[in-house]
Amino acid sequence: MTKAQINRQSKRKFSIEEKRTYYIAWENSGLSIADFCRSHGICKSALYQWSKRFKKEDGQSDFSPLVMPNSPAVTTLTQLTITSGSDDSVQLKISIPEHRLVSFIKEMCGATPAIR
């Protein structure tokens, strides 16, 4: 592009959609602002302004990312053995987190009449 063409392009009014499209294209291009602007015939200062604006807008979203700890919390498992029948022929061994033990027993007690 010649300097005259670049000057004509730089004075052009861009819609907000065009500005965002150029900004996203530049972000995805891997090019420097100078190289991107030179190849697309837009003014570097304009792309700097658009970049600043869109980065600020993108940073003000309502999205709150979930941050997970680097190491998982240690959970203590309780070994639970359930036997069935008088001859202990059926055994069920369950490892369950301690904090779930009481609710599991309550659920099993509630399920027992339905099973019989």
PDB file of N, CA and C in Angstrom:
ATOM      1  N   MET A   1       0.843  -1.182   0.000  1.00  0.00           N
ATOM      2  CA  MET A   1       0.000   0.000   0.000  1.00  0.00           C
ATOM      3  C   MET A   1       0.884   1.239   0.000  1.00  0.00           C
ATOM      4  N   THR A   2       0.449   2.221  -0.743  1.00  0.00           N
ATOM      5  CA  THR A   2       1.214   3.473  -0.778  1.00  0.00           C
ATOM      6  C   THR A   2       0.830   4.326   0.416  1.00  0.00           C
ATOM      7  N   LYS A   3       1.656   5.340   0.700  1.00  0.00           N
ATOM      8  CA  LYS A   3       1.359   6.234   1.824  1.00  0.00           C
ATOM      9  C   LYS A   3       0.049   6.974   1.604  1.00  0.00           C
ATOM     10  N   ALA A   4      -0.252   7.315   0.365  1.00  0.00           N
ATOM     11  CA  ALA A   4      -1.509   8.010   0.065  1.00  0.00           C
ATOM     12  C   ALA A   4      -2.701   7.113   0.405  1.00  0.00           C
ATOM     13  N   GLN A   5      -2.596   5.821   0.062  1.00  0.00           N
ATOM     14  CA  GLN A   5      -3.684   4.887   0.369  1.00  0.00           C
ATOM     15  C   GLN A   5      -3.833   4.715   1.884  1.00  0.00           C
ATOM     16  N   ILE A   6      -2.727   4.633   2.589  1.00  0.00           N
ATOM     17  CA  ILE A   6      -2.772   4.489   4.046  1.00  0.00           C
ATOM     18  C   ILE A   6      -3.385   5.729   4.676  1.00  0.00           C
ATOM     19  N   ASN A   7      -3.014   6.920   4.202  1.00  0.00           N
ATOM     20  CA  ASN A   7      -3.590   8.152   4.736  1.00  0.00           C
ATOM     21  C   ASN A   7      -5.088   8.209   4.505  1.00  0.00           C
ATOM     22  N   ARG A   8      -5.533   7.774   3.316  1.00  0.00           N
ATOM     23  CA  ARG A   8      -6.973   7.754   3.039  1.00  0.00           C
ATOM     24  C   ARG A   8      -7.675   6.766   3.964  1.00  0.00           C
ATOM     25  N   GLN A   9      -7.092   5.581   4.142  1.00  0.00           N
ATOM     26  CA  GLN A   9      -7.685   4.566   5.006  1.00  0.00           C
ATOM     27  C   GLN A   9      -7.730   5.036   6.457  1.00  0.00           C
ATOM     28  N   SER A  10      -6.672   5.705   6.929  1.00  0.00           N
ATOM     29  CA  SER A  10      -6.609   6.085   8.333  1.00  0.00           C
ATOM     30  C   SER A  10      -7.629   7.156   8.695  1.00  0.00           C
ATOM     31  N   LYS A  11      -8.108   7.904   7.720  1.00  0.00           N
ATOM     32  CA  LYS A  11      -9.104   8.937   7.998  1.00  0.00           C
ATOM     33  C   LYS A  11     -10.523   8.408   7.880  1.00  0.00           C
ATOM     34  N   ARG A  12     -10.647   7.162   7.487  1.00  0.00           N
ATOM     35  CA  ARG A  12     -11.945   6.531   7.341  1.00  0.00           C
ATOM     36  C   ARG A  12     -12.561   6.301   8.714  1.00  0.00           C
ATOM     37  N   LYS A  13     -13.859   6.441   8.819  1.00  0.00           N
ATOM     38  CA  LYS A  13     -14.582   6.170  10.069  1.00  0.00           C
ATOM     39  C   LYS A  13     -14.971   4.697  10.092  1.00  0.00           C
ATOM     40  N   PHE A  14     -14.630   4.027  11.175  1.00  0.00           N
ATOM     41  CA  PHE A  14     -14.928   2.611  11.331  1.00  0.00           C
ATOM     42  C   PHE A  14     -16.082   2.433  12.312  1.00  0.00           C
ATOM     43  N   SER A  15     -16.945   1.473  12.015  1.00  0.00           N
ATOM     44  CA  SER A  15     -18.016   1.147  12.960  1.00  0.00           C
ATOM     45  C   SER A  15     -17.396   0.357  14.118  1.00  0.00           C
ATOM     46  N   ILE A  16     -18.130   0.241  15.196  1.00  0.00           N
ATOM     47  CA  ILE A  16     -17.638  -0.500  16.356  1.00  0.00           C
ATOM     48  C   ILE A  16     -17.393  -1.963  15.998  1.00  0.00           C
ATOM     49  N   GLU A  17     -18.228  -2.521  15.123  1.00  0.00           N
ATOM     50  CA  GLU A  17     -18.051  -3.909  14.695  1.00  0.00           C
ATOM     51  C   GLU A  17     -16.758  -4.062  13.896  1.00  0.00           C
ATOM     52  N   GLU A  18     -16.475  -3.091  13.011  1.00  0.00           N
ATOM     53  CA  GLU A  18     -15.241  -3.137  12.234  1.00  0.00           C
ATOM     54  C   GLU A  18     -14.018  -3.022  13.150  1.00  0.00           C
ATOM     55  N   LYS A  19     -14.103  -2.132  14.126  1.00  0.00           N
ATOM     56  CA  LYS A  19     -12.992  -1.962  15.066  1.00  0.00           C
ATOM     57  C   LYS A  19     -12.721  -3.249  15.821  1.00  0.00           C
ATOM     58  N   ARG A  20     -13.783  -3.872  16.321  1.00  0.00           N
ATOM     59  CA  ARG A  20     -13.607  -5.119  17.065  1.00  0.00           C
ATOM     60  C   ARG A  20     -13.088  -6.230  16.151  1.00  0.00           C
ATOM     61  N   THR A  21     -13.558  -6.258  14.915  1.00  0.00           N
ATOM     62  CA  THR A  21     -13.080  -7.270  13.965  1.00  0.00           C
ATOM     63  C   THR A  21     -11.588  -7.109  13.715  1.00  0.00           C
ATOM     64  N   TYR A  22     -11.138  -5.863  13.505  1.00  0.00           N
ATOM     65  CA  TYR A  22      -9.707  -5.610  13.315  1.00  0.00           C
ATOM     66  C   TYR A  22      -8.927  -5.996  14.573  1.00  0.00           C
ATOM     67  N   TYR A  23      -9.449  -5.628  15.725  1.00  0.00           N
ATOM     68  CA  TYR A  23      -8.771  -5.936  16.988  1.00  0.00           C
ATOM     69  C   TYR A  23      -8.616  -7.448  17.170  1.00  0.00           C
ATOM     70  N   ILE A  24      -9.689  -8.192  16.947  1.00  0.00           N
ATOM     71  CA  ILE A  24      -9.646  -9.656  17.097  1.00  0.00           C
ATOM     72  C   ILE A  24      -8.714 -10.272  16.065  1.00  0.00           C
ATOM     73  N   ALA A  25      -8.773  -9.761  14.831  1.00  0.00           N
ATOM     74  CA  ALA A  25      -7.890 -10.276  13.781  1.00  0.00           C
ATOM     75  C   ALA A  25      -6.429 -10.038  14.149  1.00  0.00           C
ATOM     76  N   TRP A  26      -6.129  -8.858  14.704  1.00  0.00           N
ATOM     77  CA  TRP A  26      -4.755  -8.573  15.126  1.00  0.00           C
ATOM     78  C   TRP A  26      -4.339  -9.505  16.263  1.00  0.00           C
ATOM     79  N   GLU A  27      -5.209  -9.693  17.266  1.00  0.00           N
ATOM     80  CA  GLU A  27      -4.904 -10.578  18.396  1.00  0.00           C
ATOM     81  C   GLU A  27      -4.580 -11.992  17.915  1.00  0.00           C
ATOM     82  N   ASN A  28      -5.321 -12.470  16.919  1.00  0.00           N
ATOM     83  CA  ASN A  28      -5.144 -13.835  16.431  1.00  0.00           C
ATOM     84  C   ASN A  28      -4.020 -13.965  15.407  1.00  0.00           C
ATOM     85  N   SER A  29      -3.539 -12.844  14.884  1.00  0.00           N
ATOM     86  CA  SER A  29      -2.550 -12.886  13.804  1.00  0.00           C
ATOM     87  C   SER A  29      -1.145 -13.221  14.278  1.00  0.00           C
ATOM     88  N   GLY A  30      -0.806 -12.843  15.490  1.00  0.00           N
ATOM     89  CA  GLY A  30       0.551 -13.042  15.967  1.00  0.00           C
ATOM     90  C   GLY A  30       1.523 -11.976  15.469  1.00  0.00           C
ATOM     91  N   LEU A  31       1.011 -11.004  14.728  1.00  0.00           N
ATOM     92  CA  LEU A  31       1.837  -9.923  14.197  1.00  0.00           C
ATOM     93  C   LEU A  31       1.956  -8.792  15.203  1.00  0.00           C
ATOM     94  N   SER A  32       2.987  -7.984  15.036  1.00  0.00           N
ATOM     95  CA  SER A  32       3.085  -6.764  15.835  1.00  0.00           C
ATOM     96  C   SER A  32       2.011  -5.804  15.342  1.00  0.00           C
ATOM     97  N   ILE A  33       1.700  -4.813  16.166  1.00  0.00           N
ATOM     98  CA  ILE A  33       0.696  -3.826  15.743  1.00  0.00           C
ATOM     99  C   ILE A  33       1.157  -3.130  14.471  1.00  0.00           C
ATOM    100  N   ALA A  34       2.442  -2.763  14.403  1.00  0.00           N
ATOM    101  CA  ALA A  34       2.965  -2.065  13.229  1.00  0.00           C
ATOM    102  C   ALA A  34       2.804  -2.903  11.965  1.00  0.00           C
ATOM    103  N   ASP A  35       3.183  -4.180  12.038  1.00  0.00           N
ATOM    104  CA  ASP A  35       3.068  -5.047  10.853  1.00  0.00           C
ATOM    105  C   ASP A  35       1.614  -5.271  10.463  1.00  0.00           C
ATOM    106  N   PHE A  36       0.762  -5.495  11.448  1.00  0.00           N
ATOM    107  CA  PHE A  36      -0.652  -5.727  11.153  1.00  0.00           C
ATOM    108  C   PHE A  36      -1.275  -4.488  10.502  1.00  0.00           C
ATOM    109  N   CYS A  37      -1.006  -3.321  11.092  1.00  0.00           N
ATOM    110  CA  CYS A  37      -1.585  -2.082  10.559  1.00  0.00           C
ATOM    111  C   CYS A  37      -1.074  -1.794   9.151  1.00  0.00           C
ATOM    112  N   ARG A  38       0.203  -2.033   8.938  1.00  0.00           N
ATOM    113  CA  ARG A  38       0.785  -1.806   7.610  1.00  0.00           C
ATOM    114  C   ARG A  38       0.108  -2.705   6.578  1.00  0.00           C
ATOM    115  N   SER A  39      -0.111  -3.963   6.920  1.00  0.00           N
ATOM    116  CA  SER A  39      -0.708  -4.898   5.955  1.00  0.00           C
ATOM    117  C   SER A  39      -2.204  -4.665   5.741  1.00  0.00           C
ATOM    118  N   HIS A  40      -2.883  -4.019   6.694  1.00  0.00           N
ATOM    119  CA  HIS A  40      -4.326  -3.783   6.563  1.00  0.00           C
ATOM    120  C   HIS A  40      -4.666  -2.321   6.278  1.00  0.00           C
ATOM    121  N   GLY A  41      -3.655  -1.476   6.228  1.00  0.00           N
ATOM    122  CA  GLY A  41      -3.891  -0.074   5.889  1.00  0.00           C
ATOM    123  C   GLY A  41      -4.640   0.705   6.948  1.00  0.00           C
ATOM    124  N   ILE A  42      -4.379   0.394   8.218  1.00  0.00           N
ATOM    125  CA  ILE A  42      -5.009   1.169   9.286  1.00  0.00           C
ATOM    126  C   ILE A  42      -3.925   1.839  10.117  1.00  0.00           C
ATOM    127  N   CYS A  43      -4.302   2.833  10.843  1.00  0.00           N
ATOM    128  CA  CYS A  43      -3.376   3.626  11.638  1.00  0.00           C
ATOM    129  C   CYS A  43      -3.033   2.899  12.940  1.00  0.00           C
ATOM    130  N   LYS A  44      -1.723   2.876  13.294  1.00  0.00           N
ATOM    131  CA  LYS A  44      -1.298   2.196  14.520  1.00  0.00           C
ATOM    132  C   LYS A  44      -1.968   2.791  15.755  1.00  0.00           C
ATOM    133  N   SER A  45      -2.053   4.111  15.810  1.00  0.00           N
ATOM    134  CA  SER A  45      -2.632   4.738  17.006  1.00  0.00           C
ATOM    135  C   SER A  45      -4.097   4.339  17.167  1.00  0.00           C
ATOM    136  N   ALA A  46      -4.794   4.165  16.055  1.00  0.00           N
ATOM    137  CA  ALA A  46      -6.196   3.741  16.129  1.00  0.00           C
ATOM    138  C   ALA A  46      -6.295   2.342  16.719  1.00  0.00           C
ATOM    139  N   LEU A  47      -5.443   1.424  16.239  1.00  0.00           N
ATOM    140  CA  LEU A  47      -5.494   0.060  16.756  1.00  0.00           C
ATOM    141  C   LEU A  47      -5.080   0.011  18.222  1.00  0.00           C
ATOM    142  N   TYR A  48      -4.128   0.854  18.621  1.00  0.00           N
ATOM    143  CA  TYR A  48      -3.767   0.949  20.039  1.00  0.00           C
ATOM    144  C   TYR A  48      -4.991   1.371  20.870  1.00  0.00           C
ATOM    145  N   GLN A  49      -5.718   2.377  20.392  1.00  0.00           N
ATOM    146  CA  GLN A  49      -6.900   2.851  21.115  1.00  0.00           C
ATOM    147  C   GLN A  49      -7.967   1.765  21.185  1.00  0.00           C
ATOM    148  N   TRP A  50      -8.210   1.100  20.062  1.00  0.00           N
ATOM    149  CA  TRP A  50      -9.217   0.036  20.036  1.00  0.00           C
ATOM    150  C   TRP A  50      -8.809  -1.085  20.985  1.00  0.00           C
ATOM    151  N   SER A  51      -7.542  -1.437  20.956  1.00  0.00           N
ATOM    152  CA  SER A  51      -7.034  -2.498  21.815  1.00  0.00           C
ATOM    153  C   SER A  51      -7.262  -2.156  23.281  1.00  0.00           C
ATOM    154  N   LYS A  52      -6.914  -0.937  23.654  1.00  0.00           N
ATOM    155  CA  LYS A  52      -7.091  -0.492  25.036  1.00  0.00           C
ATOM    156  C   LYS A  52      -8.570  -0.553  25.430  1.00  0.00           C
ATOM    157  N   ARG A  53      -9.436  -0.094  24.545  1.00  0.00           N
ATOM    158  CA  ARG A  53     -10.876  -0.065  24.824  1.00  0.00           C
ATOM    159  C   ARG A  53     -11.442  -1.470  24.991  1.00  0.00           C
ATOM    160  N   PHE A  54     -11.126  -2.355  24.043  1.00  0.00           N
ATOM    161  CA  PHE A  54     -11.702  -3.692  24.080  1.00  0.00           C
ATOM    162  C   PHE A  54     -11.127  -4.530  25.213  1.00  0.00           C
ATOM    163  N   LYS A  55      -9.858  -4.347  25.548  1.00  0.00           N
ATOM    164  CA  LYS A  55      -9.287  -5.059  26.688  1.00  0.00           C
ATOM    165  C   LYS A  55      -9.977  -4.618  27.971  1.00  0.00           C
ATOM    166  N   LYS A  56     -10.256  -3.317  28.086  1.00  0.00           N
ATOM    167  CA  LYS A  56     -10.946  -2.802  29.266  1.00  0.00           C
ATOM    168  C   LYS A  56     -12.373  -3.362  29.336  1.00  0.00           C
ATOM    169  N   GLU A  57     -13.079  -3.338  28.197  1.00  0.00           N
ATOM    170  CA  GLU A  57     -14.451  -3.868  28.156  1.00  0.00           C
ATOM    171  C   GLU A  57     -14.469  -5.355  28.482  1.00  0.00           C
ATOM    172  N   ASP A  58     -13.534  -6.105  27.913  1.00  0.00           N
ATOM    173  CA  ASP A  58     -13.495  -7.549  28.143  1.00  0.00           C
ATOM    174  C   ASP A  58     -13.186  -7.861  29.601  1.00  0.00           C
ATOM    175  N   GLY A  59     -12.425  -6.997  30.247  1.00  0.00           N
ATOM    176  CA  GLY A  59     -12.078  -7.203  31.649  1.00  0.00           C
ATOM    177  C   GLY A  59     -13.211  -6.893  32.595  1.00  0.00           C
ATOM    178  N   GLN A  60     -14.268  -6.229  32.123  1.00  0.00           N
ATOM    179  CA  GLN A  60     -15.382  -5.835  32.984  1.00  0.00           C
ATOM    180  C   GLN A  60     -16.583  -6.754  32.833  1.00  0.00           C
ATOM    181  N   SER A  61     -16.349  -7.998  32.462  1.00  0.00           N
ATOM    182  CA  SER A  61     -17.474  -8.910  32.301  1.00  0.00           C
ATOM    183  C   SER A  61     -17.989  -9.361  33.662  1.00  0.00           C
ATOM    184  N   ASP A  62     -19.163  -9.946  33.669  1.00  0.00           N
ATOM    185  CA  ASP A  62     -19.756 -10.460  34.900  1.00  0.00           C
ATOM    186  C   ASP A  62     -19.226 -11.850  35.226  1.00  0.00           C
ATOM    187  N   PHE A  63     -18.381 -12.380  34.360  1.00  0.00           N
ATOM    188  CA  PHE A  63     -17.841 -13.715  34.546  1.00  0.00           C
ATOM    189  C   PHE A  63     -16.833 -13.729  35.675  1.00  0.00           C
ATOM    190  N   SER A  64     -16.999 -14.651  36.575  1.00  0.00           N
ATOM    191  CA  SER A  64     -16.065 -14.809  37.684  1.00  0.00           C
ATOM    192  C   SER A  64     -15.487 -16.219  37.579  1.00  0.00           C
ATOM    193  N   PRO A  65     -14.221 -16.338  37.181  1.00  0.00           N
ATOM    194  CA  PRO A  65     -13.669 -17.678  36.969  1.00  0.00           C
ATOM    195  C   PRO A  65     -13.539 -18.457  38.267  1.00  0.00           C
ATOM    196  N   LEU A  66     -13.687 -19.756  38.160  1.00  0.00           N
ATOM    197  CA  LEU A  66     -13.517 -20.651  39.293  1.00  0.00           C
ATOM    198  C   LEU A  66     -12.035 -20.945  39.439  1.00  0.00           C
ATOM    199  N   VAL A  67     -11.490 -20.708  40.602  1.00  0.00           N
ATOM    200  CA  VAL A  67     -10.079 -20.956  40.848  1.00  0.00           C
ATOM    201  C   VAL A  67      -9.968 -22.202  41.705  1.00  0.00           C
ATOM    202  N   MET A  68      -9.292 -23.194  41.155  1.00  0.00           N
ATOM    203  CA  MET A  68      -9.124 -24.453  41.872  1.00  0.00           C
ATOM    204  C   MET A  68      -7.764 -24.457  42.560  1.00  0.00           C
ATOM    205  N   PRO A  69      -7.684 -25.013  43.751  1.00  0.00           N
ATOM    206  CA  PRO A  69      -6.383 -25.109  44.419  1.00  0.00           C
ATOM    207  C   PRO A  69      -5.466 -26.036  43.628  1.00  0.00           C
ATOM    208  N   ASN A  70      -4.164 -25.812  43.754  1.00  0.00           N
ATOM    209  CA  ASN A  70      -3.195 -26.623  43.024  1.00  0.00           C
ATOM    210  C   ASN A  70      -3.223 -28.081  43.444  1.00  0.00           C
ATOM    211  N   SER A  71      -3.389 -28.339  44.725  1.00  0.00           N
ATOM    212  CA  SER A  71      -3.443 -29.719  45.187  1.00  0.00           C
ATOM    213  C   SER A  71      -4.846 -30.006  45.722  1.00  0.00           C
ATOM    214  N   PRO A  72      -5.376 -31.173  45.408  1.00  0.00           N
ATOM    215  CA  PRO A  72      -6.722 -31.490  45.904  1.00  0.00           C
ATOM    216  C   PRO A  72      -6.728 -31.630  47.415  1.00  0.00           C
ATOM    217  N   ALA A  73      -7.879 -31.324  47.991  1.00  0.00           N
ATOM    218  CA  ALA A  73      -8.026 -31.459  49.444  1.00  0.00           C
ATOM    219  C   ALA A  73      -7.944 -32.936  49.820  1.00  0.00           C
ATOM    220  N   VAL A  74      -7.346 -33.205  50.939  1.00  0.00           N
ATOM    221  CA  VAL A  74      -7.221 -34.581  51.405  1.00  0.00           C
ATOM    222  C   VAL A  74      -8.565 -35.011  51.995  1.00  0.00           C
ATOM    223  N   THR A  75      -9.072 -36.120  51.503  1.00  0.00           N
ATOM    224  CA  THR A  75     -10.338 -36.650  51.998  1.00  0.00           C
ATOM    225  C   THR A  75     -10.058 -37.979  52.685  1.00  0.00           C
ATOM    226  N   THR A  76     -10.519 -38.095  53.907  1.00  0.00           N
ATOM    227  CA  THR A  76     -10.347 -39.334  54.652  1.00  0.00           C
ATOM    228  C   THR A  76     -11.480 -40.277  54.289  1.00  0.00           C
ATOM    229  N   LEU A  77     -11.114 -41.469  53.837  1.00  0.00           N
ATOM    230  CA  LEU A  77     -12.115 -42.465  53.479  1.00  0.00           C
ATOM    231  C   LEU A  77     -12.300 -43.436  54.628  1.00  0.00           C
ATOM    232  N   THR A  78     -13.546 -43.830  54.841  1.00  0.00           N
ATOM    233  CA  THR A  78     -13.889 -44.811  55.851  1.00  0.00           C
ATOM    234  C   THR A  78     -14.258 -46.100  55.144  1.00  0.00           C
ATOM    235  N   GLN A  79     -13.698 -47.202  55.597  1.00  0.00           N
ATOM    236  CA  GLN A  79     -14.010 -48.502  55.026  1.00  0.00           C
ATOM    237  C   GLN A  79     -15.259 -49.039  55.723  1.00  0.00           C
ATOM    238  N   LEU A  80     -16.288 -49.335  54.967  1.00  0.00           N
ATOM    239  CA  LEU A  80     -17.558 -49.814  55.515  1.00  0.00           C
ATOM    240  C   LEU A  80     -17.830 -51.190  54.922  1.00  0.00           C
ATOM    241  N   THR A  81     -18.094 -52.164  55.771  1.00  0.00           N
ATOM    242  CA  THR A  81     -18.394 -53.519  55.303  1.00  0.00           C
ATOM    243  C   THR A  81     -19.803 -53.875  55.728  1.00  0.00           C
ATOM    244  N   ILE A  82     -20.608 -54.270  54.769  1.00  0.00           N
ATOM    245  CA  ILE A  82     -21.995 -54.661  55.037  1.00  0.00           C
ATOM    246  C   ILE A  82     -22.114 -56.146  54.701  1.00  0.00           C
ATOM    247  N   THR A  83     -22.606 -56.932  55.665  1.00  0.00           N
ATOM    248  CA  THR A  83     -22.789 -58.369  55.432  1.00  0.00           C
ATOM    249  C   THR A  83     -24.271 -58.688  55.396  1.00  0.00           C
ATOM    250  N   SER A  84     -24.599 -59.707  54.642  1.00  0.00           N
ATOM    251  CA  SER A  84     -25.998 -60.076  54.488  1.00  0.00           C
ATOM    252  C   SER A  84     -26.176 -61.552  54.814  1.00  0.00           C
ATOM    253  N   GLY A  85     -27.249 -61.872  55.489  1.00  0.00           N
ATOM    254  CA  GLY A  85     -27.568 -63.264  55.793  1.00  0.00           C
ATOM    255  C   GLY A  85     -26.832 -63.762  57.030  1.00  0.00           C
ATOM    256  N   SER A  86     -27.326 -64.868  57.541  1.00  0.00           N
ATOM    257  CA  SER A  86     -26.748 -65.417  58.772  1.00  0.00           C
ATOM    258  C   SER A  86     -25.407 -66.091  58.524  1.00  0.00           C
ATOM    259  N   ASP A  87     -25.166 -66.552  57.315  1.00  0.00           N
ATOM    260  CA  ASP A  87     -23.897 -67.239  57.044  1.00  0.00           C
ATOM    261  C   ASP A  87     -22.838 -66.287  56.462  1.00  0.00           C
ATOM    262  N   ASP A  88     -23.121 -64.998  56.435  1.00  0.00           N
ATOM    263  CA  ASP A  88     -22.201 -63.978  55.923  1.00  0.00           C
ATOM    264  C   ASP A  88     -21.721 -64.280  54.507  1.00  0.00           C
ATOM    265  N   SER A  89     -22.604 -64.843  53.695  1.00  0.00           N
ATOM    266  CA  SER A  89     -22.208 -65.235  52.344  1.00  0.00           C
ATOM    267  C   SER A  89     -22.032 -64.038  51.398  1.00  0.00           C
ATOM    268  N   VAL A  90     -22.692 -62.930  51.690  1.00  0.00           N
ATOM    269  CA  VAL A  90     -22.585 -61.747  50.834  1.00  0.00           C
ATOM    270  C   VAL A  90     -21.989 -60.610  51.652  1.00  0.00           C
ATOM    271  N   GLN A  91     -20.917 -60.058  51.147  1.00  0.00           N
ATOM    272  CA  GLN A  91     -20.292 -58.917  51.798  1.00  0.00           C
ATOM    273  C   GLN A  91     -20.147 -57.798  50.773  1.00  0.00           C
ATOM    274  N   LEU A  92     -20.443 -56.607  51.239  1.00  0.00           N
ATOM    275  CA  LEU A  92     -20.289 -55.420  50.405  1.00  0.00           C
ATOM    276  C   LEU A  92     -19.309 -54.498  51.115  1.00  0.00           C
ATOM    277  N   LYS A  93     -18.183 -54.206  50.473  1.00  0.00           N
ATOM    278  CA  LYS A  93     -17.183 -53.326  51.065  1.00  0.00           C
ATOM    279  C   LYS A  93     -17.206 -52.003  50.301  1.00  0.00           C
ATOM    280  N   ILE A  94     -17.338 -50.924  51.064  1.00  0.00           N
ATOM    281  CA  ILE A  94     -17.461 -49.589  50.472  1.00  0.00           C
ATOM    282  C   ILE A  94     -16.455 -48.663  51.143  1.00  0.00           C
ATOM    283  N   SER A  95     -15.766 -47.883  50.347  1.00  0.00           N
ATOM    284  CA  SER A  95     -14.931 -46.797  50.871  1.00  0.00           C
ATOM    285  C   SER A  95     -15.695 -45.516  50.626  1.00  0.00           C
ATOM    286  N   ILE A  96     -15.950 -44.788  51.686  1.00  0.00           N
ATOM    287  CA  ILE A  96     -16.777 -43.592  51.583  1.00  0.00           C
ATOM    288  C   ILE A  96     -16.127 -42.458  52.381  1.00  0.00           C
ATOM    289  N   PRO A  97     -16.185 -41.228  51.880  1.00  0.00           N
ATOM    290  CA  PRO A  97     -15.630 -40.103  52.642  1.00  0.00           C
ATOM    291  C   PRO A  97     -16.360 -39.972  53.980  1.00  0.00           C
ATOM    292  N   GLU A  98     -15.603 -39.637  55.008  1.00  0.00           N
ATOM    293  CA  GLU A  98     -16.192 -39.546  56.349  1.00  0.00           C
ATOM    294  C   GLU A  98     -17.374 -38.586  56.408  1.00  0.00           C
ATOM    295  N   HIS A  99     -17.295 -37.478  55.707  1.00  0.00           N
ATOM    296  CA  HIS A  99     -18.379 -36.490  55.786  1.00  0.00           C
ATOM    297  C   HIS A  99     -19.670 -36.994  55.144  1.00  0.00           C
ATOM    298  N   ARG A 100     -19.622 -38.087  54.357  1.00  0.00           N
ATOM    299  CA  ARG A 100     -20.820 -38.648  53.737  1.00  0.00           C
ATOM    300  C   ARG A 100     -21.349 -39.878  54.475  1.00  0.00           C
ATOM    301  N   LEU A 101     -20.647 -40.340  55.474  1.00  0.00           N
ATOM    302  CA  LEU A 101     -20.991 -41.595  56.144  1.00  0.00           C
ATOM    303  C   LEU A 101     -22.385 -41.561  56.771  1.00  0.00           C
ATOM    304  N   VAL A 102     -22.696 -40.527  57.528  1.00  0.00           N
ATOM    305  CA  VAL A 102     -23.993 -40.449  58.218  1.00  0.00           C
ATOM    306  C   VAL A 102     -25.139 -40.410  57.207  1.00  0.00           C
ATOM    307  N   SER A 103     -25.009 -39.591  56.176  1.00  0.00           N
ATOM    308  CA  SER A 103     -26.097 -39.504  55.186  1.00  0.00           C
ATOM    309  C   SER A 103     -26.242 -40.813  54.418  1.00  0.00           C
ATOM    310  N   PHE A 104     -25.131 -41.522  54.177  1.00  0.00           N
ATOM    311  CA  PHE A 104     -25.202 -42.816  53.497  1.00  0.00           C
ATOM    312  C   PHE A 104     -25.967 -43.829  54.350  1.00  0.00           C
ATOM    313  N   ILE A 105     -25.664 -43.872  55.644  1.00  0.00           N
ATOM    314  CA  ILE A 105     -26.359 -44.808  56.539  1.00  0.00           C
ATOM    315  C   ILE A 105     -27.851 -44.493  56.590  1.00  0.00           C
ATOM    316  N   LYS A 106     -28.194 -43.218  56.645  1.00  0.00           N
ATOM    317  CA  LYS A 106     -29.612 -42.833  56.643  1.00  0.00           C
ATOM    318  C   LYS A 106     -30.297 -43.275  55.357  1.00  0.00           C
ATOM    319  N   GLU A 107     -29.612 -43.099  54.228  1.00  0.00           N
ATOM    320  CA  GLU A 107     -30.190 -43.522  52.943  1.00  0.00           C
ATOM    321  C   GLU A 107     -30.384 -45.031  52.911  1.00  0.00           C
ATOM    322  N   MET A 108     -29.409 -45.769  53.418  1.00  0.00           N
ATOM    323  CA  MET A 108     -29.513 -47.233  53.434  1.00  0.00           C
ATOM    324  C   MET A 108     -30.652 -47.697  54.336  1.00  0.00           C
ATOM    325  N   CYS A 109     -30.827 -47.040  55.489  1.00  0.00           N
ATOM    326  CA  CYS A 109     -31.918 -47.413  56.396  1.00  0.00           C
ATOM    327  C   CYS A 109     -33.260 -47.146  55.747  1.00  0.00           C
ATOM    328  N   GLY A 110     -33.342 -46.072  54.998  1.00  0.00           N
ATOM    329  CA  GLY A 110     -34.592 -45.750  54.300  1.00  0.00           C
ATOM    330  C   GLY A 110     -34.860 -46.700  53.156  1.00  0.00           C
ATOM    331  N   ALA A 111     -33.817 -47.228  52.548  1.00  0.00           N
ATOM    332  CA  ALA A 111     -33.973 -48.133  51.400  1.00  0.00           C
ATOM    333  C   ALA A 111     -34.264 -49.567  51.848  1.00  0.00           C
ATOM    334  N   THR A 112     -33.884 -49.939  53.062  1.00  0.00           N
ATOM    335  CA  THR A 112     -34.048 -51.315  53.534  1.00  0.00           C
ATOM    336  C   THR A 112     -35.492 -51.796  53.470  1.00  0.00           C
ATOM    337  N   PRO A 113     -36.489 -51.052  53.949  1.00  0.00           N
ATOM    338  CA  PRO A 113     -37.893 -51.542  53.851  1.00  0.00           C
ATOM    339  C   PRO A 113     -38.336 -51.719  52.398  1.00  0.00           C
ATOM    340  N   ALA A 114     -37.844 -50.906  51.515  1.00  0.00           N
ATOM    341  CA  ALA A 114     -38.256 -51.021  50.111  1.00  0.00           C
ATOM    342  C   ALA A 114     -37.651 -52.262  49.476  1.00  0.00           C
ATOM    343  N   ILE A 115     -36.470 -52.660  49.929  1.00  0.00           N
ATOM    344  CA  ILE A 115     -35.792 -53.822  49.362  1.00  0.00           C
ATOM    345  C   ILE A 115     -36.442 -55.121  49.823  1.00  0.00           C
ATOM    346  N   ARG A 116     -36.883 -55.176  51.071  1.00  0.00           N
ATOM    347  CA  ARG A 116     -37.482 -56.385  51.630  1.00  0.00           C
ATOM    348  C   ARG A 116     -38.754 -56.654  50.971  1.00  0.00           C
TER     349      ARG A 116
END
